[in-house]
């Protein structure tokens, strides 16, 4: 009876030892998984931070480009206005030149007529 009890206790201890090993192995596996997850989290956090930094840089560049575009559009409008004004001035000068040419032609005729009248007189 004592032998059977001893064998039973021996079997229980062996089962207990096997169960402890299994739990230790499971804990070791879980600890490895936890470490892997922590490393993944760290890497993803760094990547997210890099993406956020890149996003801020791109937003800043976009704002700068919009500002530059507005400036260039304004400069382009001013240049267009200046060209229109200069074209208007050129047309005024051309018209004035044509008017002067007509006056010169008219005065030349008048002088020619007066010279003819003087010769005839």
N, C-alpha and C. Protein backbone atom coordinates (compact mmCIF):
# COMPACT_ATOMS: atom_id res chain seq x y z
N UNK A 1 0.83 -1.19 0.00
CA UNK A 1 0.00 0.00 0.00
C UNK A 1 0.87 1.25 0.00
N UNK A 2 1.96 1.24 0.78
CA UNK A 2 2.87 2.37 0.83
C UNK A 2 3.61 2.48 -0.49
N UNK A 3 3.92 1.30 -1.07
CA UNK A 3 4.60 1.31 -2.36
C UNK A 3 3.72 1.94 -3.44
N UNK A 4 2.46 1.58 -3.45
CA UNK A 4 1.51 2.11 -4.43
C UNK A 4 1.35 3.61 -4.24
N UNK A 5 1.29 4.00 -2.98
CA UNK A 5 1.16 5.44 -2.69
C UNK A 5 2.40 6.19 -3.13
N UNK A 6 3.55 5.57 -2.88
CA UNK A 6 4.82 6.18 -3.29
C UNK A 6 4.89 6.28 -4.81
N UNK A 7 4.50 5.24 -5.50
CA UNK A 7 4.50 5.27 -6.96
C UNK A 7 3.51 6.31 -7.47
N UNK A 8 2.39 6.41 -6.81
CA UNK A 8 1.37 7.41 -7.20
C UNK A 8 1.93 8.82 -7.01
N UNK A 9 2.60 9.05 -5.88
CA UNK A 9 3.20 10.37 -5.61
C UNK A 9 4.31 10.65 -6.62
N UNK A 10 5.09 9.61 -6.94
CA UNK A 10 6.17 9.75 -7.91
C UNK A 10 5.60 10.15 -9.27
N UNK A 11 4.51 9.51 -9.66
CA UNK A 11 3.85 9.82 -10.93
C UNK A 11 3.30 11.24 -10.90
N UNK A 12 2.71 11.61 -9.79
CA UNK A 12 2.15 12.97 -9.66
C UNK A 12 3.26 14.02 -9.74
N UNK A 13 4.41 13.73 -9.10
CA UNK A 13 5.54 14.66 -9.12
C UNK A 13 6.05 14.77 -10.55
N UNK A 14 6.17 13.66 -11.26
CA UNK A 14 6.63 13.69 -12.65
C UNK A 14 5.65 14.49 -13.52
N UNK A 15 4.36 14.27 -13.28
CA UNK A 15 3.35 15.04 -14.03
C UNK A 15 3.45 16.53 -13.69
N UNK A 16 3.68 16.80 -12.41
CA UNK A 16 3.83 18.18 -11.96
C UNK A 16 5.05 18.81 -12.64
N UNK A 17 6.17 18.06 -12.68
CA UNK A 17 7.41 18.56 -13.29
C UNK A 17 7.17 18.82 -14.78
N UNK A 18 6.49 17.88 -15.45
CA UNK A 18 6.16 18.06 -16.87
C UNK A 18 5.27 19.29 -17.08
N UNK A 19 4.31 19.45 -16.19
CA UNK A 19 3.40 20.60 -16.29
C UNK A 19 4.16 21.91 -16.05
N UNK A 20 5.09 21.92 -15.09
CA UNK A 20 5.90 23.10 -14.81
C UNK A 20 6.77 23.43 -16.02
N UNK A 21 7.38 22.40 -16.63
CA UNK A 21 8.20 22.62 -17.83
C UNK A 21 7.34 23.18 -18.97
N UNK A 22 6.16 22.58 -19.13
CA UNK A 22 5.26 23.06 -20.18
C UNK A 22 4.89 24.53 -19.94
N UNK A 23 4.58 24.88 -18.70
CA UNK A 23 4.21 26.26 -18.36
C UNK A 23 5.42 27.18 -18.55
N UNK A 24 6.63 26.70 -18.16
CA UNK A 24 7.84 27.50 -18.36
C UNK A 24 8.10 27.73 -19.85
N UNK A 25 7.92 26.66 -20.65
CA UNK A 25 8.09 26.79 -22.10
C UNK A 25 7.07 27.77 -22.67
N UNK A 26 5.84 27.64 -22.21
CA UNK A 26 4.78 28.54 -22.66
C UNK A 26 5.09 29.98 -22.27
N UNK A 27 5.57 30.17 -21.03
CA UNK A 27 5.94 31.51 -20.57
C UNK A 27 7.10 32.06 -21.40
N UNK A 28 8.06 31.20 -21.70
CA UNK A 28 9.21 31.62 -22.51
C UNK A 28 8.74 32.03 -23.91
N UNK A 29 7.86 31.21 -24.49
CA UNK A 29 7.31 31.53 -25.81
C UNK A 29 6.54 32.85 -25.77
N UNK A 30 5.73 33.01 -24.76
CA UNK A 30 4.93 34.24 -24.62
C UNK A 30 5.84 35.45 -24.39
N UNK A 31 6.91 35.26 -23.64
CA UNK A 31 7.86 36.36 -23.41
C UNK A 31 8.55 36.74 -24.73
N UNK A 32 8.88 35.73 -25.54
CA UNK A 32 9.46 36.00 -26.86
C UNK A 32 8.48 36.75 -27.75
N UNK A 33 7.23 36.32 -27.73
CA UNK A 33 6.19 37.01 -28.51
C UNK A 33 6.02 38.45 -28.04
N UNK A 34 6.04 38.61 -26.71
CA UNK A 34 5.90 39.96 -26.14
C UNK A 34 7.06 40.85 -26.58
N UNK A 35 8.28 40.29 -26.55
CA UNK A 35 9.45 41.05 -26.98
C UNK A 35 9.34 41.41 -28.46
N UNK A 36 8.90 40.45 -29.27
CA UNK A 36 8.71 40.72 -30.71
C UNK A 36 7.67 41.82 -30.92
N UNK A 37 6.58 41.74 -30.18
CA UNK A 37 5.53 42.75 -30.32
C UNK A 37 6.02 44.14 -29.88
N UNK A 38 6.81 44.16 -28.80
CA UNK A 38 7.36 45.44 -28.34
C UNK A 38 8.31 46.02 -29.39
N UNK A 39 9.12 45.16 -30.01
CA UNK A 39 10.04 45.62 -31.06
C UNK A 39 9.26 46.13 -32.27
N UNK A 40 8.22 45.41 -32.65
CA UNK A 40 7.36 45.86 -33.75
C UNK A 40 6.72 47.21 -33.41
N UNK A 41 6.23 47.34 -32.18
CA UNK A 41 5.62 48.59 -31.75
C UNK A 41 6.62 49.74 -31.82
N UNK A 42 7.85 49.46 -31.35
CA UNK A 42 8.89 50.50 -31.37
C UNK A 42 9.18 50.92 -32.81
N UNK A 43 9.33 49.93 -33.70
CA UNK A 43 9.61 50.24 -35.10
C UNK A 43 8.44 51.01 -35.73
N UNK A 44 7.23 50.57 -35.46
CA UNK A 44 6.06 51.25 -36.03
C UNK A 44 5.91 52.67 -35.48
N UNK A 45 6.26 52.84 -34.20
CA UNK A 45 6.20 54.18 -33.61
C UNK A 45 7.21 55.10 -34.27
N UNK A 46 8.42 54.57 -34.50
CA UNK A 46 9.44 55.39 -35.17
C UNK A 46 9.00 55.71 -36.60
N UNK A 47 8.44 54.73 -37.28
CA UNK A 47 7.99 54.93 -38.66
C UNK A 47 6.86 55.97 -38.69
N UNK A 48 5.93 55.86 -37.75
CA UNK A 48 4.83 56.82 -37.68
C UNK A 48 5.37 58.23 -37.42
N UNK A 49 6.38 58.33 -36.56
CA UNK A 49 6.99 59.63 -36.27
C UNK A 49 7.66 60.20 -37.53
N UNK A 50 8.34 59.32 -38.29
CA UNK A 50 8.98 59.77 -39.52
C UNK A 50 7.93 60.23 -40.53
N UNK A 51 6.84 59.47 -40.64
CA UNK A 51 5.77 59.86 -41.56
C UNK A 51 5.15 61.19 -41.15
N UNK A 52 5.01 61.37 -39.85
CA UNK A 52 4.43 62.62 -39.36
C UNK A 52 5.37 63.79 -39.67
N UNK A 53 6.66 63.59 -39.47
CA UNK A 53 7.64 64.63 -39.80
C UNK A 53 7.60 64.95 -41.29
N UNK A 54 7.58 63.89 -42.11
CA UNK A 54 7.51 64.08 -43.55
C UNK A 54 6.23 64.81 -43.94
N UNK A 55 5.14 64.44 -43.30
CA UNK A 55 3.86 65.09 -43.58
C UNK A 55 3.92 66.58 -43.26
N UNK A 56 4.50 66.93 -42.12
CA UNK A 56 4.64 68.34 -41.74
C UNK A 56 5.52 69.09 -42.74
N UNK A 57 6.61 68.42 -43.17
CA UNK A 57 7.51 69.05 -44.15
C UNK A 57 6.77 69.28 -45.46
N UNK A 58 6.00 68.29 -45.90
CA UNK A 58 5.26 68.42 -47.15
C UNK A 58 4.18 69.51 -47.04
N UNK A 59 3.52 69.58 -45.89
CA UNK A 59 2.53 70.64 -45.68
C UNK A 59 3.20 72.00 -45.76
N UNK A 60 4.36 72.11 -45.14
CA UNK A 60 5.10 73.37 -45.16
C UNK A 60 5.52 73.72 -46.59
N UNK A 61 6.05 72.73 -47.31
CA UNK A 61 6.44 72.97 -48.70
C UNK A 61 5.23 73.37 -49.55
N UNK A 62 4.09 72.71 -49.30
CA UNK A 62 2.87 73.05 -50.02
C UNK A 62 2.45 74.49 -49.76
N UNK A 63 2.53 74.90 -48.49
CA UNK A 63 2.18 76.28 -48.14
C UNK A 63 3.13 77.26 -48.82
N UNK A 64 4.42 76.93 -48.80
CA UNK A 64 5.41 77.79 -49.45
C UNK A 64 5.15 77.89 -50.95
N UNK A 65 4.80 76.76 -51.56
CA UNK A 65 4.54 76.76 -53.00
C UNK A 65 3.27 77.57 -53.33
N UNK A 66 2.24 77.43 -52.48
CA UNK A 66 1.02 78.22 -52.70
C UNK A 66 1.33 79.71 -52.60
N UNK A 67 2.14 80.09 -51.61
CA UNK A 67 2.53 81.48 -51.43
C UNK A 67 3.33 81.96 -52.64
N UNK A 68 4.27 81.13 -53.09
CA UNK A 68 5.09 81.48 -54.25
C UNK A 68 4.22 81.61 -55.50
N UNK A 69 3.24 80.71 -55.64
CA UNK A 69 2.33 80.77 -56.78
C UNK A 69 1.52 82.06 -56.75
N UNK A 70 1.03 82.43 -55.57
CA UNK A 70 0.26 83.67 -55.45
C UNK A 70 1.14 84.87 -55.81
N UNK A 71 2.40 84.84 -55.36
CA UNK A 71 3.33 85.93 -55.66
C UNK A 71 3.58 86.01 -57.15
N UNK A 72 3.82 84.85 -57.78
CA UNK A 72 4.08 84.82 -59.23
C UNK A 72 2.86 85.27 -60.02
N UNK A 73 1.67 84.87 -59.58
CA UNK A 73 0.44 85.29 -60.26
C UNK A 73 0.29 86.81 -60.16
N UNK A 74 0.59 87.36 -58.99
CA UNK A 74 0.51 88.80 -58.79
C UNK A 74 1.51 89.52 -59.69
N UNK A 75 2.75 88.99 -59.75
CA UNK A 75 3.77 89.59 -60.61
C UNK A 75 3.34 89.51 -62.07
N UNK A 76 2.74 88.39 -62.45
CA UNK A 76 2.29 88.20 -63.82
C UNK A 76 1.18 89.20 -64.17
N UNK A 77 0.24 89.41 -63.24
CA UNK A 77 -0.82 90.41 -63.46
C UNK A 77 -0.23 91.80 -63.62
N UNK A 78 0.74 92.14 -62.74
CA UNK A 78 1.36 93.47 -62.83
C UNK A 78 2.09 93.62 -64.16
N UNK A 79 2.80 92.56 -64.59
CA UNK A 79 3.51 92.63 -65.87
C UNK A 79 2.51 92.77 -67.02
N UNK A 80 1.40 92.06 -66.94
CA UNK A 80 0.35 92.18 -67.96
C UNK A 80 -0.21 93.59 -68.01
N UNK A 81 -0.47 94.16 -66.85
CA UNK A 81 -0.98 95.54 -66.78
C UNK A 81 0.04 96.51 -67.37
N UNK A 82 1.31 96.29 -67.06
CA UNK A 82 2.37 97.17 -67.56
C UNK A 82 2.44 97.08 -69.09
N UNK A 83 2.34 95.84 -69.62
CA UNK A 83 2.37 95.66 -71.07
C UNK A 83 1.19 96.38 -71.72
N UNK A 84 0.01 96.24 -71.12
CA UNK A 84 -1.18 96.92 -71.66
C UNK A 84 -0.97 98.43 -71.68
N UNK A 85 -0.43 98.97 -70.59
CA UNK A 85 -0.19 100.41 -70.52
C UNK A 85 0.84 100.84 -71.57
N UNK A 86 1.90 100.04 -71.71
CA UNK A 86 2.92 100.38 -72.71
C UNK A 86 2.38 100.28 -74.12
N UNK A 87 1.53 99.28 -74.38
CA UNK A 87 0.90 99.16 -75.71
C UNK A 87 0.00 100.36 -75.98
N UNK A 88 -0.72 100.79 -74.95
CA UNK A 88 -1.59 101.95 -75.08
C UNK A 88 -0.76 103.20 -75.40
N UNK A 89 0.37 103.35 -74.67
CA UNK A 89 1.25 104.50 -74.92
C UNK A 89 1.83 104.45 -76.33
N UNK A 90 2.23 103.24 -76.76
CA UNK A 90 2.77 103.10 -78.12
C UNK A 90 1.72 103.52 -79.14
N UNK A 91 0.48 103.05 -78.94
CA UNK A 91 -0.59 103.42 -79.88
C UNK A 91 -0.81 104.93 -79.88
N UNK A 92 -0.75 105.54 -78.70
CA UNK A 92 -0.91 107.00 -78.63
C UNK A 92 0.23 107.69 -79.39
N UNK A 93 1.46 107.18 -79.23
CA UNK A 93 2.60 107.78 -79.94
C UNK A 93 2.47 107.57 -81.44
N UNK A 94 2.02 106.38 -81.84
CA UNK A 94 1.83 106.11 -83.27
C UNK A 94 0.79 107.06 -83.84
N UNK A 95 -0.32 107.22 -83.11
CA UNK A 95 -1.37 108.13 -83.58
C UNK A 95 -0.87 109.58 -83.63
N UNK A 96 -0.11 109.96 -82.61
CA UNK A 96 0.45 111.31 -82.61
C UNK A 96 1.40 111.48 -83.79
N UNK A 97 2.24 110.44 -84.05
CA UNK A 97 3.17 110.48 -85.18
C UNK A 97 2.41 110.60 -86.49
N UNK A 98 1.32 109.86 -86.62
CA UNK A 98 0.51 109.94 -87.85
C UNK A 98 -0.11 111.33 -87.99
N UNK A 99 -0.57 111.90 -86.89
CA UNK A 99 -1.15 113.24 -86.93
C UNK A 99 -0.08 114.25 -87.34
N UNK A 100 1.15 114.10 -86.80
CA UNK A 100 2.24 115.00 -87.16
C UNK A 100 2.58 114.86 -88.65
N UNK A 101 2.59 113.59 -89.13
CA UNK A 101 2.86 113.38 -90.56
C UNK A 101 1.80 114.08 -91.41
N UNK A 102 0.56 113.99 -90.99
CA UNK A 102 -0.51 114.66 -91.75
C UNK A 102 -0.33 116.18 -91.71
N UNK A 103 0.08 116.68 -90.54
CA UNK A 103 0.32 118.12 -90.45
C UNK A 103 1.48 118.52 -91.34
N UNK A 104 2.54 117.68 -91.37
CA UNK A 104 3.70 117.99 -92.22
C UNK A 104 3.26 117.98 -93.68
N UNK A 105 2.50 116.98 -94.08
CA UNK A 105 2.01 116.91 -95.47
C UNK A 105 1.15 118.13 -95.77
N UNK A 106 0.26 118.49 -94.84
CA UNK A 106 -0.62 119.63 -95.04
C UNK A 106 0.17 120.93 -95.12
N UNK A 107 1.17 121.06 -94.21
CA UNK A 107 2.00 122.26 -94.23
C UNK A 107 2.85 122.32 -95.49
N UNK A 108 3.35 121.16 -95.93
CA UNK A 108 4.15 121.11 -97.17
C UNK A 108 3.29 121.55 -98.35
N UNK A 109 2.06 121.10 -98.41
CA UNK A 109 1.14 121.52 -99.48
C UNK A 109 0.91 123.03 -99.41
N UNK A 110 0.69 123.48 -98.17
CA UNK A 110 0.43 124.92 -98.01
C UNK A 110 1.63 125.73 -98.47
N UNK A 111 2.83 125.26 -98.08
CA UNK A 111 4.04 125.97 -98.48
C UNK A 111 4.18 125.92 -99.99
N UNK A 112 3.95 124.78 -100.59
CA UNK A 112 4.04 124.64 -102.03
C UNK A 112 3.04 125.56 -102.72
N UNK A 113 1.85 125.62 -102.18
CA UNK A 113 0.82 126.49 -102.75
C UNK A 113 1.23 127.94 -102.60
N UNK A 114 1.75 128.30 -101.43
CA UNK A 114 2.18 129.69 -101.22
C UNK A 114 3.34 130.03 -102.13
N UNK A 115 4.28 129.10 -102.31
CA UNK A 115 5.41 129.36 -103.19
C UNK A 115 4.93 129.55 -104.65
N UNK A 116 3.98 128.74 -105.05
CA UNK A 116 3.43 128.90 -106.40
C UNK A 116 2.73 130.24 -106.54
N UNK A 117 2.01 130.61 -105.51
CA UNK A 117 1.31 131.92 -105.54
C UNK A 117 2.31 133.05 -105.60
N UNK A 118 3.41 132.89 -104.88
CA UNK A 118 4.44 133.94 -104.89
C UNK A 118 5.10 134.02 -106.26
N UNK A 119 5.31 132.91 -106.88
CA UNK A 119 5.92 132.89 -108.22
C UNK A 119 4.97 133.52 -109.26
N UNK A 120 3.75 133.28 -109.05
CA UNK A 120 2.78 133.80 -110.02
C UNK A 120 2.52 135.29 -109.78
N UNK A 121 2.79 135.73 -108.63
CA UNK A 121 2.50 137.11 -108.35
C UNK A 121 3.55 138.05 -108.79
